[in-house]
Each structure stands twice: as structure tokens, then as C-alpha cells.
Amino acid sequence: MTQNLEQLIQKIQSDGVKAAEDKAREIEAEARARAEKILATARAEAETLTNEGKTSLDRMQRSGEEALRHAARDTLLALRKEIETTLDRLVTLEVRRALDVENVARIVSGLIDRNSGDKPTDVVVAVSDSDLSALRQTLMSTLKQEVMKGLTLAGSEDINGGFTISYDGGKSRFEFTDVALAQYLGTYLKPKLAEIIKDTVSDE
């Protein structure tokens, strides 16, 4: 009887241990599966966040580069405009200095001699009001009296430097004013200026 009881106790203990071990293995398997699932989810979320972050960073970088290009272009355009404005001002100033009364008188005399013959008629020369008196005196001392009779000198508020000349009594005229000559020179100089700026930027 005692032996049977001991065997029964051993069997219960053995079965209990086995059941406990089986349950432990089951719990361990479930825990491992749950942990792997959590880890897989965490990896997926981390990868998603990483991709989104990379995409956002790329987008920000492209946006920054585009903004930088626009800023550089705007700065270059503003600089070019400022240089062109300064160039216009300098060219006009230099042309105005070159077209003093003596030079205007010499140019007018040459134009009349080449285009009007010995006795020009209906030739009208207009200069600034401030240069009119000095030009008349200079031309009277350099041109023949017959030539002066066919020449009309006029002052104009619209002219700051240089002159205009007409061979048909003012119906049409050729402009040699400081503004007209500066514009003419500007059309030649500005493309050259654009090339210089372009080459300078390309060398940076």
C-alpha cells in the first residue's frame, strides 16, 4: 500500500512537472512570438519614419537649393541693372563733357561743309539754351558769312548737351545730343557688359 502511494505521488509529481514545463514552453513561445511581432512592427515603423525623414530632408534640400538659385539670379539681375544704370550715367556724362561748345562748333561746321554745299539753306541747329550764345559766337568766327546766312541756331530746353541738325528747316532732324549718343553707345556696351558678367560668374 505504501509502495503504491509513493508511486502515485511520483506519478503526480512527474505529471505536474511535465505539465508545468509544457506550460512554460507554451508561455515562452507566445512571449517570443509577441516579442517578434512587436519588434517587426517597430522595425517597420522605424523604416517608415526613416524613409519619410529622408524624403522630407531631400525635399527641404531641393527647396533650399532652388531658393538659393533664385536668390543668386535675383542678386545677379539687380547687380546687372545697377551696373547698367551706372554705365548709362557715366556714358552720358562723358559724352556731355566731350560735346562742349568748341567740339560742337567743329562738328557742325564739318556737317554743313559736307552736306550743304557753299551756300546752305534751311539748316537748323538746336543746342541747349546755355550753349546757344557761345556756339553762335564760335560759328560766326569760323564759318563764312554766306554760310551763316543759311543757318538758323536755336536753343532747346530738351537738350542738355550736344545738338540736333536739320537740313530741311526742321521738318526732319539728326540727333547728336548727349542722350541720343549715350543710348547708341549703350546698345553696343550693354551686350559686352552682359558677356563680362556671364564670364565672371562662369569662372566662379
Protein backbone atom coordinates (compact mmCIF):
# COMPACT_ATOMS: atom_id res chain seq x y z
CA MET A 1 0.00 0.00 0.00
CA THR A 2 2.78 2.35 0.92
CA GLN A 3 4.61 1.49 -2.29
CA ASN A 4 1.53 2.22 -4.40
CA LEU A 5 1.10 5.56 -2.63
CA GLU A 6 4.70 6.50 -3.33
CA GLN A 7 4.31 5.54 -6.97
CA LEU A 8 1.15 7.62 -7.18
CA ILE A 9 2.95 10.60 -5.62
CA GLN A 10 5.87 10.19 -8.02
CA LYS A 11 3.46 10.00 -10.96
CA ILE A 12 1.62 13.11 -9.82
CA GLN A 13 4.90 14.94 -9.37
CA SER A 14 6.16 13.75 -12.75
CA ASP A 15 2.93 14.70 -14.49
CA GLY A 16 2.87 18.06 -12.67
CA VAL A 17 6.45 18.85 -13.64
CA LYS A 18 5.78 17.88 -17.25
CA ALA A 19 2.62 19.96 -17.33
CA ALA A 20 4.47 22.91 -15.82
CA GLU A 21 7.31 22.51 -18.31
CA ASP A 22 4.85 22.28 -21.20
CA LYS A 23 3.02 25.38 -19.95
CA ALA A 24 6.29 27.21 -19.53
CA ARG A 25 7.33 26.33 -23.07
CA GLU A 26 3.94 27.47 -24.35
CA ILE A 27 4.20 30.77 -22.50
CA GLU A 28 7.76 31.21 -23.74
CA ALA A 29 6.69 30.54 -27.34
CA GLU A 30 3.82 33.01 -27.05
CA ALA A 31 6.09 35.61 -25.50
CA ARG A 32 8.71 35.08 -28.20
CA ALA A 33 6.08 35.37 -30.95
CA ARG A 34 4.65 38.50 -29.36
CA ALA A 35 8.12 39.99 -28.99
CA GLU A 36 9.00 39.21 -32.61
CA LYS A 37 5.74 40.78 -33.75
CA ILE A 38 6.40 43.90 -31.67
CA LEU A 39 9.97 44.04 -32.98
CA ALA A 40 8.81 43.63 -36.59
CA THR A 41 6.25 46.41 -36.12
CA ALA A 42 8.87 48.63 -34.52
CA ARG A 43 11.28 47.97 -37.41
CA ALA A 44 8.57 48.73 -39.98
CA GLU A 45 7.63 51.96 -38.22
CA ALA A 46 11.28 52.94 -37.88
CA GLU A 47 11.86 52.27 -41.58
CA THR A 48 8.77 54.28 -42.48
CA LEU A 49 9.92 57.17 -40.30
CA THR A 50 13.41 56.93 -41.77
CA ASN A 51 12.05 57.00 -45.35
CA GLU A 52 9.72 59.86 -44.53
CA GLY A 53 12.56 61.72 -42.88
CA LYS A 54 14.83 61.10 -45.87
CA THR A 55 12.09 62.22 -48.26
CA SER A 56 11.45 65.31 -46.16
CA LEU A 57 15.17 66.05 -45.97
CA ASP A 58 15.55 65.62 -49.75
CA ARG A 59 12.57 67.90 -50.29
CA MET A 60 13.99 70.51 -47.95
CA GLN A 61 17.39 70.28 -49.65
CA ARG A 62 15.86 70.69 -53.11
CA SER A 63 13.75 73.58 -51.87
CA GLY A 64 16.80 75.21 -50.29
CA GLU A 65 18.86 74.79 -53.47
CA GLU A 66 16.03 76.24 -55.58
CA ALA A 67 15.68 79.20 -53.21
CA LEU A 68 19.44 79.73 -53.38
CA ARG A 69 19.36 79.65 -57.19
CA HIS A 70 16.50 82.18 -57.24
CA ALA A 71 18.33 84.43 -54.77
CA ALA A 72 21.54 84.24 -56.82
CA ARG A 73 19.63 85.00 -60.02
CA ASP A 74 17.77 87.93 -58.44
CA THR A 75 21.01 89.28 -57.00
CA LEU A 76 22.73 88.99 -60.36
CA LEU A 77 19.84 90.70 -62.16
CA ALA A 78 19.78 93.51 -59.60
CA LEU A 79 23.55 93.89 -59.87
CA ARG A 80 23.38 93.93 -63.66
CA LYS A 81 20.63 96.57 -63.59
CA GLU A 82 22.63 98.69 -61.16
CA ILE A 83 25.76 98.38 -63.32
CA GLU A 84 23.79 99.27 -66.47
CA THR A 85 22.28 102.31 -64.73
CA THR A 86 25.74 103.41 -63.62
CA LEU A 87 27.09 102.76 -67.11
CA ASP A 88 24.31 104.86 -68.68
CA ARG A 89 25.05 107.69 -66.26
CA LEU A 90 28.81 107.56 -66.88
CA VAL A 91 28.46 107.34 -70.67
CA THR A 92 26.00 110.26 -70.73
CA LEU A 93 28.33 112.31 -68.52
CA GLU A 94 31.39 111.57 -70.65
CA VAL A 95 29.53 112.27 -73.90
CA ARG A 96 28.26 115.54 -72.46
CA ARG A 97 31.80 116.53 -71.49
CA ALA A 98 33.05 115.65 -74.96
CA LEU A 99 30.31 117.72 -76.62
CA ASP A 100 31.46 121.10 -75.37
CA VAL A 101 30.83 124.22 -77.44
CA GLU A 102 34.14 124.05 -79.34
CA ASN A 103 33.65 120.42 -80.36
CA VAL A 104 30.00 121.02 -81.29
CA ALA A 105 31.04 124.01 -83.43
CA ARG A 106 33.70 121.92 -85.19
CA ILE A 107 31.26 119.04 -85.82
CA VAL A 108 28.50 121.37 -87.07
CA SER A 109 30.94 123.13 -89.42
CA GLY A 110 32.06 119.79 -90.83
CA LEU A 111 28.47 118.57 -91.33
CA ILE A 112 27.46 121.78 -93.09
CA ASP A 113 30.51 121.69 -95.37
CA ARG A 114 29.91 118.06 -96.36
CA ASN A 115 26.14 118.13 -96.76
CA SER A 116 25.03 121.63 -97.71
CA GLY A 117 27.49 122.98 -100.26
CA ASP A 118 28.89 126.51 -100.21
CA LYS A 119 25.56 128.25 -99.54
CA PRO A 120 23.41 126.11 -97.26
CA THR A 121 19.76 127.00 -96.80
CA ASP A 122 17.20 125.87 -94.25
CA VAL A 123 19.85 124.38 -91.95
CA VAL A 124 18.66 124.45 -88.34
CA VAL A 125 20.96 123.58 -85.46
CA ALA A 126 19.50 123.31 -81.96
CA VAL A 127 21.56 123.24 -78.77
CA SER A 128 20.89 123.77 -75.09
CA ASP A 129 19.84 127.27 -74.09
CA SER A 130 23.04 127.62 -72.06
CA ASP A 131 25.26 126.79 -75.08
CA LEU A 132 23.40 128.85 -77.69
CA SER A 133 25.22 132.18 -77.27
CA ALA A 134 28.70 130.64 -77.09
CA LEU A 135 28.03 128.43 -80.13
CA ARG A 136 26.79 131.39 -82.18
CA GLN A 137 29.96 133.36 -81.40
CA THR A 138 32.21 130.39 -82.19
CA LEU A 139 30.48 129.62 -85.51
CA MET A 140 30.49 133.28 -86.56
CA SER A 141 34.26 133.29 -86.19
CA THR A 142 34.77 130.02 -88.09
CA LEU A 143 32.08 129.96 -90.81
CA LYS A 144 31.75 132.19 -93.84
CA GLN A 145 29.12 134.91 -93.73
CA GLU A 146 27.24 133.28 -96.62
CA VAL A 147 27.09 130.04 -94.68
CA MET A 148 25.83 131.78 -91.54
CA LYS A 149 23.01 133.38 -93.54
CA GLY A 150 21.56 129.96 -94.37
CA LEU A 151 21.99 128.66 -90.83
CA THR A 152 19.49 129.02 -88.01
CA LEU A 153 20.66 128.45 -84.45
CA ALA A 154 18.05 127.68 -81.81
CA GLY A 155 18.02 126.92 -78.12
CA SER A 156 16.07 123.97 -76.71
CA GLU A 157 15.05 123.15 -73.16
CA ASP A 158 15.03 119.47 -74.11
CA ILE A 159 18.76 119.40 -74.86
CA ASN A 160 21.32 119.27 -72.07
CA GLY A 161 24.36 118.58 -74.23
CA GLY A 162 25.19 118.05 -77.89
CA PHE A 163 22.94 119.24 -80.70
CA THR A 164 20.41 118.36 -83.38
CA ILE A 165 20.72 119.39 -87.02
CA SER A 166 18.11 119.66 -89.76
CA TYR A 167 18.67 120.29 -93.47
CA ASP A 168 15.03 120.98 -94.33
CA GLY A 169 14.05 123.77 -91.97
CA GLY A 170 13.26 121.48 -89.05
CA LYS A 171 10.93 119.03 -90.78
CA SER A 172 13.36 116.24 -90.03
CA ARG A 173 16.50 116.19 -87.94
CA PHE A 174 19.54 114.18 -86.97
CA GLU A 175 20.20 113.85 -83.24
CA PHE A 176 23.67 114.22 -81.81
CA THR A 177 22.56 115.01 -78.28
CA ASP A 178 24.26 113.55 -75.23
CA VAL A 179 21.22 111.34 -74.55
CA ALA A 180 20.96 110.02 -78.13
CA LEU A 181 24.69 109.30 -78.39
CA ALA A 182 24.75 107.69 -74.93
CA GLN A 183 21.85 105.42 -75.93
CA TYR A 184 23.67 104.50 -79.12
CA LEU A 185 26.85 103.68 -77.22
CA GLY A 186 24.78 101.81 -74.62
CA THR A 187 23.36 99.44 -77.23
CA TYR A 188 26.93 98.46 -78.04
CA LEU A 189 28.31 98.42 -74.49
CA LYS A 190 25.49 96.57 -72.70
CA PRO A 191 25.87 93.28 -74.62
CA LYS A 192 29.60 93.48 -73.89
CA LEU A 193 28.79 94.11 -70.24
CA ALA A 194 26.45 91.09 -70.20
CA GLU A 195 29.25 88.92 -71.61
CA ILE A 196 31.67 90.15 -68.97
CA ILE A 197 29.20 89.40 -66.16
CA LYS A 198 28.42 85.99 -67.63
CA ASP A 199 32.10 85.09 -67.98
CA THR A 200 32.83 86.33 -64.46
CA VAL A 201 30.02 84.22 -62.97
CA SER A 202 31.10 81.18 -65.01
CA ASP A 203 34.63 81.45 -63.64
CA GLU A 204 33.44 81.43 -60.01
